């Protein structure tokens, strides 16, 4: 809606071409930067996987990992090549300083303890770390964390739900991301020949209440922000924001069947 006014602390979901991501974030006051020095707190499955992935995909980033359990720290150290593993607590100021936290762009707190992740993130920020990302399982903690100073909260519940939904949704649904504790979903789906969305201008589509088409990817990789006269074609990938109560209707738009003949 063109008359909608954004207010401070509103949560906004943006659809944009990746080349414009920095500009889009800057409009909302986020001058984001790419981290080159990272500390991972927690050497469990998640922390070890992140470190291993970063070693494989980005040799320019310096990664250090802090693990409180000595045996686990030694095990993780043996599985990694370029990551420095430190045995100690992420709540220990001296350990964080040993990791060079005052020179680090990002700390990823991914232990299995929400409180440790939150407190370590806040301590790291106080010691000079520029950005904190905390894994938080307890959803009741999340609303207060932004005000405390935690920059990004990762909630496994939403991530896991999104992964499951991707496989159970009907039709040619490519990806699904559940947002705001399941209140809405961001869906990427392929338009099929039988879909009522195909062949009509956006202005003529009778979309259910709570459904918004945010972008269209056509001809394989052409990114289009739809306007009133934009037409969806068979094979186009459509990015849709849908409230949870309208998802079933969205599924039908992309269902491979004869129900629309």
Protein backbone atom coordinates (compact mmCIF):
# COMPACT_ATOMS: atom_id res chain seq x y z
CA UNK A 1 0.00 0.00 0.00
CA UNK A 2 1.38 3.36 -1.04
CA UNK A 3 -0.14 5.16 1.93
CA UNK A 4 1.49 2.91 4.52
CA UNK A 5 3.93 4.70 6.84
CA UNK A 6 6.86 2.81 8.36
CA UNK A 7 7.64 3.40 12.01
CA UNK A 8 10.75 2.78 14.10
CA UNK A 9 11.21 -0.90 15.07
CA UNK A 10 8.85 -2.16 12.33
CA UNK A 11 10.04 -5.43 10.82
CA UNK A 12 10.33 -5.08 7.04
CA UNK A 13 10.85 -7.86 4.47
CA UNK A 14 12.43 -6.63 1.23
CA UNK A 15 12.59 -8.30 -2.17
CA UNK A 16 15.45 -6.98 -4.31
CA UNK A 17 18.10 -7.92 -6.82
CA UNK A 18 21.24 -9.10 -4.99
CA UNK A 19 23.29 -6.31 -6.57
CA UNK A 20 21.11 -3.78 -4.77
CA UNK A 21 21.13 -5.45 -1.34
CA UNK A 22 23.56 -2.97 0.23
CA UNK A 23 21.59 0.01 -1.04
CA UNK A 24 18.32 -1.47 0.20
CA UNK A 25 19.75 -2.08 3.67
CA UNK A 26 21.21 1.42 3.75
CA UNK A 27 17.74 2.88 3.21
CA UNK A 28 16.74 1.30 6.52
CA UNK A 29 19.84 2.51 8.35
CA UNK A 30 21.89 -0.67 8.02
CA UNK A 31 25.35 -0.07 6.59
CA UNK A 32 26.20 -3.76 6.31
CA UNK A 33 29.68 -5.02 5.47
CA UNK A 34 31.24 -8.38 4.65
CA UNK A 35 33.00 -9.94 7.62
CA UNK A 36 36.61 -11.00 7.11
CA UNK A 37 37.34 -11.92 10.74
CA UNK A 38 34.83 -14.14 12.51
CA UNK A 39 34.59 -15.84 15.88
CA UNK A 40 32.30 -18.87 16.23
CA UNK A 41 31.20 -19.63 19.76
CA UNK A 42 30.31 -23.30 20.15
CA UNK A 43 31.99 -26.33 18.64
CA UNK A 44 28.88 -28.47 18.37
CA UNK A 45 27.45 -29.72 15.11
CA UNK A 46 26.33 -26.25 14.00
CA UNK A 47 29.56 -24.42 14.88
CA UNK A 48 31.79 -27.11 13.38
CA UNK A 49 29.68 -27.21 10.22
CA UNK A 50 29.86 -23.43 9.77
CA UNK A 51 33.63 -23.44 10.23
CA UNK A 52 34.09 -26.34 7.81
CA UNK A 53 31.86 -24.68 5.23
CA UNK A 54 33.70 -21.38 5.48
CA UNK A 55 37.04 -23.12 5.04
CA UNK A 56 35.75 -24.76 1.88
CA UNK A 57 34.04 -21.72 0.37
CA UNK A 58 36.00 -18.68 1.49
CA UNK A 59 39.73 -18.90 2.16
CA UNK A 60 40.00 -15.12 2.67
CA UNK A 61 38.03 -15.09 5.93
CA UNK A 62 39.91 -15.71 9.18
CA UNK A 63 37.86 -17.91 11.52
CA UNK A 64 38.40 -18.72 15.18
CA UNK A 65 36.19 -21.12 17.12
CA UNK A 66 35.71 -21.18 20.90
CA UNK A 67 34.57 -24.42 22.57
CA UNK A 68 34.23 -24.86 26.33
CA UNK A 69 34.66 -28.66 26.40
CA UNK A 70 38.32 -29.60 25.99
CA UNK A 71 37.72 -33.02 24.43
CA UNK A 72 35.27 -31.59 21.92
CA UNK A 73 37.61 -28.69 21.16
CA UNK A 74 40.41 -31.13 20.34
CA UNK A 75 38.07 -33.20 18.17
CA UNK A 76 36.89 -30.16 16.22
CA UNK A 77 40.47 -28.89 15.83
CA UNK A 78 41.47 -32.17 14.20
CA UNK A 79 38.62 -31.89 11.68
CA UNK A 80 39.50 -28.35 10.60
CA UNK A 81 42.45 -27.08 8.60
CA UNK A 82 42.56 -23.29 8.73
CA UNK A 83 40.35 -22.51 11.73
CA UNK A 84 41.97 -21.65 15.06
CA UNK A 85 40.22 -23.53 17.89
CA UNK A 86 40.36 -22.10 21.42
CA UNK A 87 39.33 -24.10 24.48
CA UNK A 88 37.44 -21.88 26.89
CA UNK A 89 34.18 -20.17 27.76
CA UNK A 90 32.65 -17.51 25.57
CA UNK A 91 31.58 -15.74 28.76
CA UNK A 92 35.23 -15.38 29.82
CA UNK A 93 36.50 -11.92 28.93
CA UNK A 94 40.10 -13.15 28.70
CA UNK A 95 39.14 -15.94 26.27
CA UNK A 96 37.27 -13.49 24.07
CA UNK A 97 40.24 -11.12 24.07
CA UNK A 98 42.53 -14.03 23.20
CA UNK A 99 40.35 -14.61 20.15
CA UNK A 100 40.90 -10.97 19.14
CA UNK A 101 37.26 -10.10 19.62
CA UNK A 102 38.00 -6.37 19.59
CA UNK A 103 39.18 -6.71 15.98
CA UNK A 104 36.45 -9.10 14.82
CA UNK A 105 33.61 -8.06 12.53
CA UNK A 106 31.16 -10.81 13.56
CA UNK A 107 30.63 -13.28 16.37
CA UNK A 108 28.37 -16.28 15.73
CA UNK A 109 27.11 -17.59 19.07
CA UNK A 110 25.73 -21.06 18.31
CA UNK A 111 26.08 -23.10 21.50
CA UNK A 112 23.17 -25.22 22.75
CA UNK A 113 22.50 -22.71 25.55
CA UNK A 114 20.38 -19.66 24.64
CA UNK A 115 21.56 -17.66 27.64
CA UNK A 116 25.21 -18.24 26.81
CA UNK A 117 24.61 -17.19 23.22
CA UNK A 118 22.83 -14.02 24.27
CA UNK A 119 25.25 -12.98 27.03
CA UNK A 120 28.34 -13.83 24.97
CA UNK A 121 26.98 -11.78 22.06
CA UNK A 122 26.44 -8.77 24.30
CA UNK A 123 29.86 -9.14 25.95
CA UNK A 124 31.56 -9.45 22.56
CA UNK A 125 29.86 -6.26 21.36
CA UNK A 126 30.99 -4.44 24.50
CA UNK A 127 34.56 -5.59 23.90
CA UNK A 128 34.57 -4.16 20.38
CA UNK A 129 33.05 -6.79 18.07
CA UNK A 130 31.07 -4.98 15.39
CA UNK A 131 28.19 -7.42 14.89
CA UNK A 132 26.64 -10.33 16.78
CA UNK A 133 24.55 -13.25 15.56
CA UNK A 134 22.96 -15.45 18.21
CA UNK A 135 21.22 -18.80 17.95
CA UNK A 136 18.12 -18.60 20.15
CA UNK A 137 15.73 -21.55 20.54
CA UNK A 138 13.35 -19.98 23.06
CA UNK A 139 11.07 -17.73 21.02
CA UNK A 140 9.98 -15.76 24.08
CA UNK A 141 13.48 -14.27 24.34
CA UNK A 142 13.52 -12.91 20.80
CA UNK A 143 11.37 -9.73 21.06
CA UNK A 144 13.67 -8.20 23.67
CA UNK A 145 17.03 -8.98 22.08
CA UNK A 146 17.08 -6.22 19.48
CA UNK A 147 16.83 -3.57 22.18
CA UNK A 148 19.60 -5.25 24.17
CA UNK A 149 22.03 -5.04 21.26
CA UNK A 150 22.02 -8.47 19.61
CA UNK A 151 22.09 -7.68 15.89
CA UNK A 152 20.73 -10.89 14.33
CA UNK A 153 18.76 -13.71 15.94
CA UNK A 154 18.57 -17.12 14.30
CA UNK A 155 15.62 -19.22 15.46
CA UNK A 156 15.99 -22.93 14.56
CA UNK A 157 12.25 -23.40 14.90
CA UNK A 158 11.55 -21.12 11.94
CA UNK A 159 14.49 -22.48 9.96
CA UNK A 160 13.43 -26.09 10.52
CA UNK A 161 9.81 -25.34 9.75
CA UNK A 162 10.87 -23.66 6.50
CA UNK A 163 12.90 -26.72 5.48
CA UNK A 164 10.01 -29.06 6.19
CA UNK A 165 7.46 -26.87 4.42
CA UNK A 166 9.61 -26.87 1.31
CA UNK A 167 9.06 -30.63 1.00
CA UNK A 168 5.41 -30.90 2.03
CA UNK A 169 3.89 -28.01 0.09
CA UNK A 170 1.90 -29.10 -2.96
CA UNK A 171 2.71 -28.09 -6.50
CA UNK A 172 5.94 -26.72 -7.93
CA UNK A 173 7.03 -25.01 -4.73
CA UNK A 174 10.80 -24.44 -4.86
CA UNK A 175 11.53 -22.82 -1.51
CA UNK A 176 9.53 -21.77 1.53
CA UNK A 177 10.56 -19.59 4.42
CA UNK A 178 8.33 -19.28 7.46
CA UNK A 179 8.49 -15.83 9.09
CA UNK A 180 7.29 -14.16 12.25
CA UNK A 181 6.65 -17.40 14.15
CA UNK A 182 4.58 -18.87 11.32
CA UNK A 183 2.32 -15.85 10.78
CA UNK A 184 3.35 -15.69 7.12
CA UNK A 185 5.43 -17.47 4.51
CA UNK A 186 7.71 -16.34 1.71
CA UNK A 187 7.23 -18.78 -1.14
CA UNK A 188 9.19 -19.27 -4.36
CA UNK A 189 7.19 -21.30 -6.86
CA UNK A 190 7.28 -22.14 -10.56
CA UNK A 191 4.27 -21.04 -12.59
CA UNK A 192 2.68 -23.97 -14.42
CA UNK A 193 0.55 -23.82 -17.57
CA UNK A 194 -2.66 -24.52 -15.64
CA UNK A 195 -2.11 -21.73 -13.12
CA UNK A 196 -4.66 -18.88 -13.18
CA UNK A 197 -1.72 -16.51 -12.72
CA UNK A 198 -0.26 -17.26 -16.15
CA UNK A 199 -0.96 -15.02 -19.13
CA UNK A 200 -2.67 -12.17 -17.29
CA UNK A 201 -1.42 -8.74 -16.21
CA UNK A 202 -0.83 -8.43 -12.46
CA UNK A 203 -3.62 -5.84 -12.29
CA UNK A 204 -6.15 -8.44 -13.52
CA UNK A 205 -5.21 -11.14 -11.04
CA UNK A 206 -7.70 -11.75 -8.28
CA UNK A 207 -5.25 -12.55 -5.52
CA UNK A 208 -6.64 -13.65 -2.15
CA UNK A 209 -6.43 -11.24 0.75
CA UNK A 210 -3.05 -11.52 2.42
CA UNK A 211 -1.16 -12.52 -0.75
CA UNK A 212 1.40 -10.26 -2.42
CA UNK A 213 3.62 -10.97 -5.46
CA UNK A 214 7.01 -9.48 -4.63
CA UNK A 215 9.15 -10.50 -7.61
CA UNK A 216 9.31 -12.66 -10.72
CA UNK A 217 12.35 -14.49 -12.08
CA UNK A 218 11.89 -15.11 -15.78
CA UNK A 219 14.02 -16.48 -18.62
CA UNK A 220 16.13 -18.36 -16.10
CA UNK A 221 17.71 -15.43 -14.30
CA UNK A 222 16.03 -12.12 -15.15
CA UNK A 223 14.82 -10.49 -11.93
CA UNK A 224 11.65 -8.40 -12.28
CA UNK A 225 9.78 -6.32 -9.72
CA UNK A 226 6.22 -6.64 -11.01
CA UNK A 227 4.11 -3.68 -12.08
CA UNK A 228 0.42 -3.58 -12.99
CA UNK A 229 1.07 -4.58 -16.62
CA UNK A 230 3.58 -7.34 -15.85
CA UNK A 231 2.51 -10.76 -17.18
CA UNK A 232 3.55 -14.07 -15.60
CA UNK A 233 4.50 -16.79 -18.09
CA UNK A 234 4.76 -20.55 -17.77
CA UNK A 235 8.08 -21.50 -16.17
CA UNK A 236 8.55 -18.15 -14.42
CA UNK A 237 9.51 -18.32 -10.77
CA UNK A 238 7.28 -16.18 -8.60
CA UNK A 239 8.20 -14.85 -5.15
CA UNK A 240 5.09 -14.52 -3.01
CA UNK A 241 4.48 -13.25 0.51
CA UNK A 242 1.43 -14.97 1.97
CA UNK A 243 -0.29 -14.85 5.32
CA UNK A 244 -0.56 -18.31 6.87
CA UNK A 245 -4.32 -18.56 6.31
CA UNK A 246 -3.92 -17.96 2.55
CA UNK A 247 -1.12 -20.47 1.90
CA UNK A 248 -3.46 -23.25 0.74
CA UNK A 249 -4.84 -20.95 -1.95
CA UNK A 250 -1.30 -20.07 -3.06
CA UNK A 251 -0.50 -23.80 -3.36
CA UNK A 252 -3.38 -24.23 -5.78
CA UNK A 253 -1.94 -21.53 -8.03
CA UNK A 254 1.11 -23.72 -8.64
CA UNK A 255 -0.43 -27.18 -8.41
CA UNK A 256 0.32 -29.52 -11.30
CA UNK A 257 -3.17 -30.78 -12.04
CA UNK A 258 -6.20 -30.32 -14.27
CA UNK A 259 -8.24 -28.46 -11.68
CA UNK A 260 -7.96 -25.16 -13.54
CA UNK A 261 -9.03 -26.42 -17.00
